[in-house]
Amino acid sequence: MNTVVVLAVLTGLTLASCGGSGKHATMVRSISPAGPAPADAVVVQVGATPITGATYDHWIAIGVATVEMPKPTGPLPKPVAYEPPNFTACIAHLRTGARKSTTAKLKATCKTTYEGIQGRILNFLITGNWLRAEAAEQHVSVTEAEVHKKFEEERKANYPSAASFRRLQEASRQTVPDLMFAVETRMLSTKLFEKFTKAHPKGKFEQAKVAAFNTSLTSKWTAKTNCEPGYVVRDCKQYKP
């Protein structure tokens, strides 16, 4: 999976440039309510920053579109529709290739897939806002010009032509601000990690340092992250395994 596409489906703290494994758990405790969230509803509160239903639904659409990215050429497939709690459209889609499966099994597959998407997206949004809040507290920042430069470097490396980049956007439903949000998140993560390792020089292995950084940030910000019922992942203080 190339760099720009992966921006929309990152899990865990975005430490791609620091060797992070991306295995931070994203288990959803309960499926989201049927239908889209109210646009102005606050589904998650990270410190002083709300994640609204409009933001959540926008990124869920990206998550759905990027479950399986299309081939470089040919017509773009229509993303599968996941509509909890019945998943009628998803069941119909799966039945075309699994005619002998029961409706219950197909529904369970749809539910599991959707909860995986939901968990990844919530984790991506929550940890992205953790990093921004932590950066603000530690006076760590990246300029808009720096983010734009990094974005252009990655875009040109992976999608040198305007047509190939346009295809990415159509396939993944990502806007330029969406992609730049992810770039900024990774850049802030890198700067915070570098500052953390200077303050905590112990540890011979890079992976151990990444784990220590993740643990430090997670323990601090989980306590400041409130999720509405139906949107609770491990990054929310309401999560109970």
C-alpha atoms as a PDB file:
ATOM      1  CA  MET A   1       0.000   0.000   0.000  1.00  0.00           C
ATOM      2  CA  ASN A   2       1.589   3.258  -1.020  1.00  0.00           C
ATOM      3  CA  THR A   3       2.140   6.212   1.270  1.00  0.00           C
ATOM      4  CA  VAL A   4      -0.648   8.587   0.300  1.00  0.00           C
ATOM      5  CA  VAL A   5      -3.373   5.922   0.282  1.00  0.00           C
ATOM      6  CA  VAL A   6      -2.389   4.619   3.681  1.00  0.00           C
ATOM      7  CA  LEU A   7      -2.932   8.031   5.233  1.00  0.00           C
ATOM      8  CA  ALA A   8      -6.662   7.449   5.419  1.00  0.00           C
ATOM      9  CA  VAL A   9      -6.505   4.066   7.067  1.00  0.00           C
ATOM     10  CA  LEU A  10      -3.757   4.433   9.649  1.00  0.00           C
ATOM     11  CA  THR A  11      -4.331   2.786  13.003  1.00  0.00           C
ATOM     12  CA  GLY A  12      -2.732   3.772  16.260  1.00  0.00           C
ATOM     13  CA  LEU A  13      -0.381   6.679  16.741  1.00  0.00           C
ATOM     14  CA  THR A  14       0.940   7.711  13.362  1.00  0.00           C
ATOM     15  CA  LEU A  15       4.613   6.931  13.825  1.00  0.00           C
ATOM     16  CA  ALA A  16       5.270   5.688  10.316  1.00  0.00           C
ATOM     17  CA  SER A  17       8.496   7.656  10.047  1.00  0.00           C
ATOM     18  CA  CYS A  18       9.656   6.457  13.457  1.00  0.00           C
ATOM     19  CA  GLY A  19       9.150   2.745  12.951  1.00  0.00           C
ATOM     20  CA  GLY A  20       5.750   2.453  14.637  1.00  0.00           C
ATOM     21  CA  SER A  21       3.940  -0.822  14.113  1.00  0.00           C
ATOM     22  CA  GLY A  22       0.431   0.585  13.810  1.00  0.00           C
ATOM     23  CA  LYS A  23      -0.935  -2.211  16.023  1.00  0.00           C
ATOM     24  CA  HIS A  24      -2.578  -0.045  18.649  1.00  0.00           C
ATOM     25  CA  ALA A  25      -5.929  -1.713  19.406  1.00  0.00           C
ATOM     26  CA  THR A  26      -9.086  -0.188  17.938  1.00  0.00           C
ATOM     27  CA  MET A  27     -11.792  -2.520  19.242  1.00  0.00           C
ATOM     28  CA  VAL A  28     -15.241  -0.951  19.166  1.00  0.00           C
ATOM     29  CA  ARG A  29     -17.372  -1.751  22.196  1.00  0.00           C
ATOM     30  CA  SER A  30     -20.698  -1.294  20.416  1.00  0.00           C
ATOM     31  CA  ILE A  31     -21.878  -0.662  16.898  1.00  0.00           C
ATOM     32  CA  SER A  32     -22.784   2.918  16.060  1.00  0.00           C
ATOM     33  CA  PRO A  33     -26.457   3.882  15.862  1.00  0.00           C
ATOM     34  CA  ALA A  34     -28.293   3.126  12.648  1.00  0.00           C
ATOM     35  CA  GLY A  35     -27.903   5.826  10.051  1.00  0.00           C
ATOM     36  CA  PRO A  36     -25.441   8.729  10.019  1.00  0.00           C
ATOM     37  CA  ALA A  37     -24.621  10.637  13.170  1.00  0.00           C
ATOM     38  CA  PRO A  38     -26.311  14.065  13.532  1.00  0.00           C
ATOM     39  CA  ALA A  39     -23.959  16.517  11.841  1.00  0.00           C
ATOM     40  CA  ASP A  40     -23.615  18.780  14.864  1.00  0.00           C
ATOM     41  CA  ALA A  41     -23.527  16.014  17.478  1.00  0.00           C
ATOM     42  CA  VAL A  42     -20.278  15.544  19.384  1.00  0.00           C
ATOM     43  CA  VAL A  43     -19.483  11.839  19.146  1.00  0.00           C
ATOM     44  CA  VAL A  44     -16.039  12.171  20.747  1.00  0.00           C
ATOM     45  CA  GLN A  45     -14.486  14.931  22.838  1.00  0.00           C
ATOM     46  CA  VAL A  46     -10.680  15.024  22.951  1.00  0.00           C
ATOM     47  CA  GLY A  47      -9.743  17.534  25.620  1.00  0.00           C
ATOM     48  CA  ALA A  48     -11.269  20.773  24.352  1.00  0.00           C
ATOM     49  CA  THR A  49     -11.628  19.517  20.776  1.00  0.00           C
ATOM     50  CA  PRO A  50     -14.914  17.962  19.597  1.00  0.00           C
ATOM     51  CA  ILE A  51     -15.182  15.366  16.844  1.00  0.00           C
ATOM     52  CA  THR A  52     -18.593  15.969  15.334  1.00  0.00           C
ATOM     53  CA  GLY A  53     -20.946  13.639  13.561  1.00  0.00           C
ATOM     54  CA  ALA A  54     -20.172  15.430  10.287  1.00  0.00           C
ATOM     55  CA  THR A  55     -16.432  14.795  10.681  1.00  0.00           C
ATOM     56  CA  TYR A  56     -17.005  11.204  11.745  1.00  0.00           C
ATOM     57  CA  ASP A  57     -19.322  10.416   8.809  1.00  0.00           C
ATOM     58  CA  HIS A  58     -16.941  12.056   6.354  1.00  0.00           C
ATOM     59  CA  TRP A  59     -14.047   9.870   7.494  1.00  0.00           C
ATOM     60  CA  ILE A  60     -16.200   6.738   7.737  1.00  0.00           C
ATOM     61  CA  ALA A  61     -16.990   7.202   4.032  1.00  0.00           C
ATOM     62  CA  ILE A  62     -13.240   7.307   3.386  1.00  0.00           C
ATOM     63  CA  GLY A  63     -12.750   4.202   5.524  1.00  0.00           C
ATOM     64  CA  VAL A  64     -15.428   2.337   3.574  1.00  0.00           C
ATOM     65  CA  ALA A  65     -13.974   3.436   0.235  1.00  0.00           C
ATOM     66  CA  THR A  66     -10.467   2.301   1.196  1.00  0.00           C
ATOM     67  CA  VAL A  67     -11.319  -1.171   2.504  1.00  0.00           C
ATOM     68  CA  GLU A  68     -10.183  -2.412  -0.896  1.00  0.00           C
ATOM     69  CA  MET A  69      -8.468   0.061  -3.177  1.00  0.00           C
ATOM     70  CA  PRO A  70      -9.202  -0.450  -6.891  1.00  0.00           C
ATOM     71  CA  LYS A  71      -6.725  -1.439  -9.570  1.00  0.00           C
ATOM     72  CA  PRO A  72      -4.663   1.376 -11.131  1.00  0.00           C
ATOM     73  CA  THR A  73      -6.775   1.260 -14.296  1.00  0.00           C
ATOM     74  CA  GLY A  74     -10.332   0.397 -15.192  1.00  0.00           C
ATOM     75  CA  PRO A  75     -13.638   1.625 -13.833  1.00  0.00           C
ATOM     76  CA  LEU A  76     -13.851   2.550 -10.186  1.00  0.00           C
ATOM     77  CA  PRO A  77     -16.010   0.120  -8.209  1.00  0.00           C
ATOM     78  CA  LYS A  78     -18.871   1.446  -6.131  1.00  0.00           C
ATOM     79  CA  PRO A  79     -18.031   1.133  -2.407  1.00  0.00           C
ATOM     80  CA  VAL A  80     -20.094  -1.355  -0.431  1.00  0.00           C
ATOM     81  CA  ALA A  81     -22.822   0.317   1.609  1.00  0.00           C
ATOM     82  CA  TYR A  82     -22.712  -0.511   5.321  1.00  0.00           C
ATOM     83  CA  GLU A  83     -25.957   0.428   7.028  1.00  0.00           C
ATOM     84  CA  PRO A  84     -26.121  -0.716  10.643  1.00  0.00           C
ATOM     85  CA  PRO A  85     -27.890  -2.416  12.236  1.00  0.00           C
ATOM     86  CA  ASN A  86     -29.462  -4.419   9.365  1.00  0.00           C
ATOM     87  CA  PHE A  87     -26.661  -4.202   6.748  1.00  0.00           C
ATOM     88  CA  THR A  88     -29.150  -5.021   3.984  1.00  0.00           C
ATOM     89  CA  ALA A  89     -27.053  -3.623   1.102  1.00  0.00           C
ATOM     90  CA  CYS A  90     -23.870  -5.252   2.389  1.00  0.00           C
ATOM     91  CA  ILE A  91     -25.583  -8.633   2.711  1.00  0.00           C
ATOM     92  CA  ALA A  92     -26.890  -8.361  -0.858  1.00  0.00           C
ATOM     93  CA  HIS A  93     -23.402  -7.480  -2.086  1.00  0.00           C
ATOM     94  CA  LEU A  94     -21.776 -10.427  -0.341  1.00  0.00           C
ATOM     95  CA  ARG A  95     -24.466 -12.845  -1.435  1.00  0.00           C
ATOM     96  CA  THR A  96     -23.420 -12.484  -5.081  1.00  0.00           C
ATOM     97  CA  GLY A  97     -20.231 -14.372  -4.258  1.00  0.00           C
ATOM     98  CA  ALA A  98     -21.497 -16.529  -1.416  1.00  0.00           C
ATOM     99  CA  ARG A  99     -24.902 -17.828  -2.400  1.00  0.00           C
ATOM    100  CA  LYS A 100     -24.757 -20.765   0.021  1.00  0.00           C
ATOM    101  CA  SER A 101     -24.014 -18.658   3.089  1.00  0.00           C
ATOM    102  CA  THR A 102     -26.833 -17.901   5.478  1.00  0.00           C
ATOM    103  CA  THR A 103     -28.103 -14.371   5.964  1.00  0.00           C
ATOM    104  CA  ALA A 104     -26.950 -14.510   9.578  1.00  0.00           C
ATOM    105  CA  LYS A 105     -23.369 -15.321   8.568  1.00  0.00           C
ATOM    106  CA  LEU A 106     -23.302 -12.611   5.918  1.00  0.00           C
ATOM    107  CA  LYS A 107     -24.707 -10.083   8.387  1.00  0.00           C
ATOM    108  CA  ALA A 108     -22.051 -11.044  10.920  1.00  0.00           C
ATOM    109  CA  THR A 109     -19.355 -10.512   8.274  1.00  0.00           C
ATOM    110  CA  CYS A 110     -20.763  -7.096   7.401  1.00  0.00           C
ATOM    111  CA  LYS A 111     -20.963  -6.111  11.062  1.00  0.00           C
ATOM    112  CA  THR A 112     -17.380  -7.227  11.758  1.00  0.00           C
ATOM    113  CA  THR A 113     -16.046  -5.397   8.705  1.00  0.00           C
ATOM    114  CA  TYR A 114     -17.918  -2.221   9.566  1.00  0.00           C
ATOM    115  CA  GLU A 115     -16.813  -2.261  13.186  1.00  0.00           C
ATOM    116  CA  GLY A 116     -13.227  -2.629  11.956  1.00  0.00           C
ATOM    117  CA  ILE A 117     -13.654   0.440   9.747  1.00  0.00           C
ATOM    118  CA  GLN A 118     -15.305   2.344  12.568  1.00  0.00           C
ATOM    119  CA  GLY A 119     -12.529   1.435  15.000  1.00  0.00           C
ATOM    120  CA  ARG A 120      -9.738   2.460  12.613  1.00  0.00           C
ATOM    121  CA  ILE A 121     -11.389   5.773  11.769  1.00  0.00           C
ATOM    122  CA  LEU A 122     -12.178   6.677  15.371  1.00  0.00           C
ATOM    123  CA  ASN A 123      -8.642   5.758  16.374  1.00  0.00           C
ATOM    124  CA  PHE A 124      -7.217   7.830  13.518  1.00  0.00           C
ATOM    125  CA  LEU A 125      -9.267  10.899  14.464  1.00  0.00           C
ATOM    126  CA  ILE A 126      -8.752  10.537  18.203  1.00  0.00           C
ATOM    127  CA  THR A 127      -5.001  10.004  18.104  1.00  0.00           C
ATOM    128  CA  GLY A 128      -4.654  12.752  15.510  1.00  0.00           C
ATOM    129  CA  ASN A 129      -6.230  15.159  17.957  1.00  0.00           C
ATOM    130  CA  TRP A 130      -4.157  13.766  20.840  1.00  0.00           C
ATOM    131  CA  LEU A 131      -1.017  14.627  18.913  1.00  0.00           C
ATOM    132  CA  ARG A 132      -2.256  18.140  18.164  1.00  0.00           C
ATOM    133  CA  ALA A 133      -3.191  18.753  21.784  1.00  0.00           C
ATOM    134  CA  GLU A 134       0.105  17.367  23.054  1.00  0.00           C
ATOM    135  CA  ALA A 135       2.034  19.409  20.499  1.00  0.00           C
ATOM    136  CA  ALA A 136       0.260  22.576  21.625  1.00  0.00           C
ATOM    137  CA  GLU A 137       1.143  21.858  25.261  1.00  0.00           C
ATOM    138  CA  GLN A 138       4.772  21.191  24.409  1.00  0.00           C
ATOM    139  CA  HIS A 139       5.072  24.127  21.981  1.00  0.00           C
ATOM    140  CA  VAL A 140       5.810  21.793  19.095  1.00  0.00           C
ATOM    141  CA  SER A 141       4.503  22.823  15.702  1.00  0.00           C
ATOM    142  CA  VAL A 142       4.800  22.513  11.950  1.00  0.00           C
ATOM    143  CA  THR A 143       3.988  25.350   9.615  1.00  0.00           C
ATOM    144  CA  GLU A 144       1.408  25.199   6.871  1.00  0.00           C
ATOM    145  CA  ALA A 145       4.223  25.633   4.376  1.00  0.00           C
ATOM    146  CA  GLU A 146       6.108  22.636   5.823  1.00  0.00           C
ATOM    147  CA  VAL A 147       3.010  20.464   5.649  1.00  0.00           C
ATOM    148  CA  HIS A 148       2.306  21.539   2.083  1.00  0.00           C
ATOM    149  CA  LYS A 149       5.890  20.821   1.037  1.00  0.00           C
ATOM    150  CA  LYS A 150       5.798  17.336   2.550  1.00  0.00           C
ATOM    151  CA  PHE A 151       2.420  16.645   0.996  1.00  0.00           C
ATOM    152  CA  GLU A 152       3.670  17.661  -2.452  1.00  0.00           C
ATOM    153  CA  GLU A 153       6.770  15.484  -2.076  1.00  0.00           C
ATOM    154  CA  GLU A 154       4.653  12.441  -1.274  1.00  0.00           C
ATOM    155  CA  ARG A 155       2.093  13.209  -3.948  1.00  0.00           C
ATOM    156  CA  LYS A 156       4.715  13.578  -6.669  1.00  0.00           C
ATOM    157  CA  ALA A 157       6.524  10.414  -5.561  1.00  0.00           C
ATOM    158  CA  ASN A 158       3.373   8.275  -5.565  1.00  0.00           C
ATOM    159  CA  TYR A 159       1.086  10.061  -8.034  1.00  0.00           C
ATOM    160  CA  PRO A 160       3.254  12.057 -10.453  1.00  0.00           C
ATOM    161  CA  SER A 161       0.436  12.813 -12.866  1.00  0.00           C
ATOM    162  CA  ALA A 162      -2.649  14.876 -12.179  1.00  0.00           C
ATOM    163  CA  ALA A 163      -4.789  12.023 -13.532  1.00  0.00           C
ATOM    164  CA  SER A 164      -3.354   9.433 -11.142  1.00  0.00           C
ATOM    165  CA  PHE A 165      -3.837  11.731  -8.159  1.00  0.00           C
ATOM    166  CA  ARG A 166      -7.380  12.534  -9.248  1.00  0.00           C
ATOM    167  CA  ARG A 167      -8.085   8.805  -9.460  1.00  0.00           C
ATOM    168  CA  LEU A 168      -6.826   8.364  -5.890  1.00  0.00           C
ATOM    169  CA  GLN A 169      -9.188  11.067  -4.697  1.00  0.00           C
ATOM    170  CA  GLU A 170     -12.143   9.608  -6.568  1.00  0.00           C
ATOM    171  CA  ALA A 171     -11.438   6.091  -5.317  1.00  0.00           C
ATOM    172  CA  SER A 172     -10.743   7.007  -1.702  1.00  0.00           C
ATOM    173  CA  ARG A 173     -13.089  10.020  -1.395  1.00  0.00           C
ATOM    174  CA  GLN A 174     -10.241  11.998   0.148  1.00  0.00           C
ATOM    175  CA  THR A 175      -9.892  15.720  -0.345  1.00  0.00           C
ATOM    176  CA  VAL A 176      -6.581  17.537  -0.302  1.00  0.00           C
ATOM    177  CA  PRO A 177      -7.320  18.838   3.242  1.00  0.00           C
ATOM    178  CA  ASP A 178      -7.970  15.228   4.334  1.00  0.00           C
ATOM    179  CA  LEU A 179      -4.596  14.126   3.027  1.00  0.00           C
ATOM    180  CA  MET A 180      -2.845  17.144   4.488  1.00  0.00           C
ATOM    181  CA  PHE A 181      -4.460  16.475   7.883  1.00  0.00           C
ATOM    182  CA  ALA A 182      -2.825  13.047   7.832  1.00  0.00           C
ATOM    183  CA  VAL A 183       0.514  14.466   6.700  1.00  0.00           C
ATOM    184  CA  GLU A 184       0.431  17.044   9.494  1.00  0.00           C
ATOM    185  CA  THR A 185      -0.445  14.323  12.005  1.00  0.00           C
ATOM    186  CA  ARG A 186       2.588  12.265  11.024  1.00  0.00           C
ATOM    187  CA  MET A 187       4.863  15.293  11.075  1.00  0.00           C
ATOM    188  CA  LEU A 188       3.728  16.285  14.561  1.00  0.00           C
ATOM    189  CA  SER A 189       4.128  12.690  15.679  1.00  0.00           C
ATOM    190  CA  THR A 190       7.706  12.662  14.423  1.00  0.00           C
ATOM    191  CA  LYS A 191       8.586  15.940  16.153  1.00  0.00           C
ATOM    192  CA  LEU A 192       7.008  14.865  19.431  1.00  0.00           C
ATOM    193  CA  PHE A 193       8.777  11.531  19.265  1.00  0.00           C
ATOM    194  CA  GLU A 194      12.128  13.228  18.679  1.00  0.00           C
ATOM    195  CA  LYS A 195      11.542  15.509  21.654  1.00  0.00           C
ATOM    196  CA  PHE A 196      10.473  12.539  23.790  1.00  0.00           C
ATOM    197  CA  THR A 197      13.597  10.523  22.963  1.00  0.00           C
ATOM    198  CA  LYS A 198      15.835  13.463  23.838  1.00  0.00           C
ATOM    199  CA  ALA A 199      14.166  13.678  27.237  1.00  0.00           C
ATOM    200  CA  HIS A 200      14.161   9.875  27.650  1.00  0.00           C
ATOM    201  CA  PRO A 201      17.437   8.703  26.087  1.00  0.00           C
ATOM    202  CA  LYS A 202      17.395   5.278  27.761  1.00  0.00           C
ATOM    203  CA  GLY A 203      16.641   2.230  25.645  1.00  0.00           C
ATOM    204  CA  LYS A 204      18.767   0.653  22.992  1.00  0.00           C
ATOM    205  CA  PHE A 205      16.081  -0.180  20.484  1.00  0.00           C
ATOM    206  CA  GLU A 206      13.980   2.190  18.412  1.00  0.00           C
ATOM    207  CA  GLN A 207      10.882   0.023  18.796  1.00  0.00           C
ATOM    208  CA  ALA A 208      11.156   0.199  22.584  1.00  0.00           C
ATOM    209  CA  LYS A 209      11.309   3.982  22.387  1.00  0.00           C
ATOM    210  CA  VAL A 210       8.240   4.046  20.143  1.00  0.00           C
ATOM    211  CA  ALA A 211       6.360   1.837  22.608  1.00  0.00           C
ATOM    212  CA  ALA A 212       7.339   4.087  25.510  1.00  0.00           C
ATOM    213  CA  PHE A 213       6.206   7.184  23.603  1.00  0.00           C
ATOM    214  CA  ASN A 214       2.876   5.574  22.681  1.00  0.00           C
ATOM    215  CA  THR A 215       2.299   4.469  26.267  1.00  0.00           C
ATOM    216  CA  SER A 216       3.067   7.934  27.623  1.00  0.00           C
ATOM    217  CA  LEU A 217       0.715   9.687  25.230  1.00  0.00           C
ATOM    218  CA  THR A 218      -2.028   7.065  25.516  1.00  0.00           C
ATOM    219  CA  SER A 219      -2.114   7.036  29.304  1.00  0.00           C
ATOM    220  CA  LYS A 220      -2.322  10.828  29.416  1.00  0.00           C
ATOM    221  CA  TRP A 221      -4.908  11.464  26.731  1.00  0.00           C
ATOM    222  CA  THR A 222      -7.213   8.480  27.116  1.00  0.00           C
ATOM    223  CA  ALA A 223      -8.265  10.000  30.437  1.00  0.00           C
ATOM    224  CA  LYS A 224      -9.199  13.197  28.583  1.00  0.00           C
ATOM    225  CA  THR A 225     -11.126  11.508  25.771  1.00  0.00           C
ATOM    226  CA  ASN A 226     -14.889  11.105  26.120  1.00  0.00           C
ATOM    227  CA  CYS A 227     -16.931   9.037  23.674  1.00  0.00           C
ATOM    228  CA  GLU A 228     -20.671   8.800  23.261  1.00  0.00           C
ATOM    229  CA  PRO A 229     -22.175   5.289  23.522  1.00  0.00           C
ATOM    230  CA  GLY A 230     -21.702   3.488  20.230  1.00  0.00           C
ATOM    231  CA  TYR A 231     -18.401   5.218  19.466  1.00  0.00           C
ATOM    232  CA  VAL A 232     -16.262   3.822  22.273  1.00  0.00           C
ATOM    233  CA  VAL A 233     -12.819   2.444  21.391  1.00  0.00           C
ATOM    234  CA  ARG A 234      -9.765   1.780  23.544  1.00  0.00           C
ATOM    235  CA  ASP A 235      -8.767   5.419  23.190  1.00  0.00           C
ATOM    236  CA  CYS A 236     -11.852   6.513  25.166  1.00  0.00           C
ATOM    237  CA  LYS A 237     -11.906   6.553  28.933  1.00  0.00           C
ATOM    238  CA  GLN A 238     -15.244   4.737  28.888  1.00  0.00           C
ATOM    239  CA  TYR A 239     -13.666   1.639  27.346  1.00  0.00           C
ATOM    240  CA  LYS A 240     -13.791  -1.405  29.580  1.00  0.00           C
ATOM    241  CA  PRO A 241     -12.257  -4.620  28.194  1.00  0.00           C
END
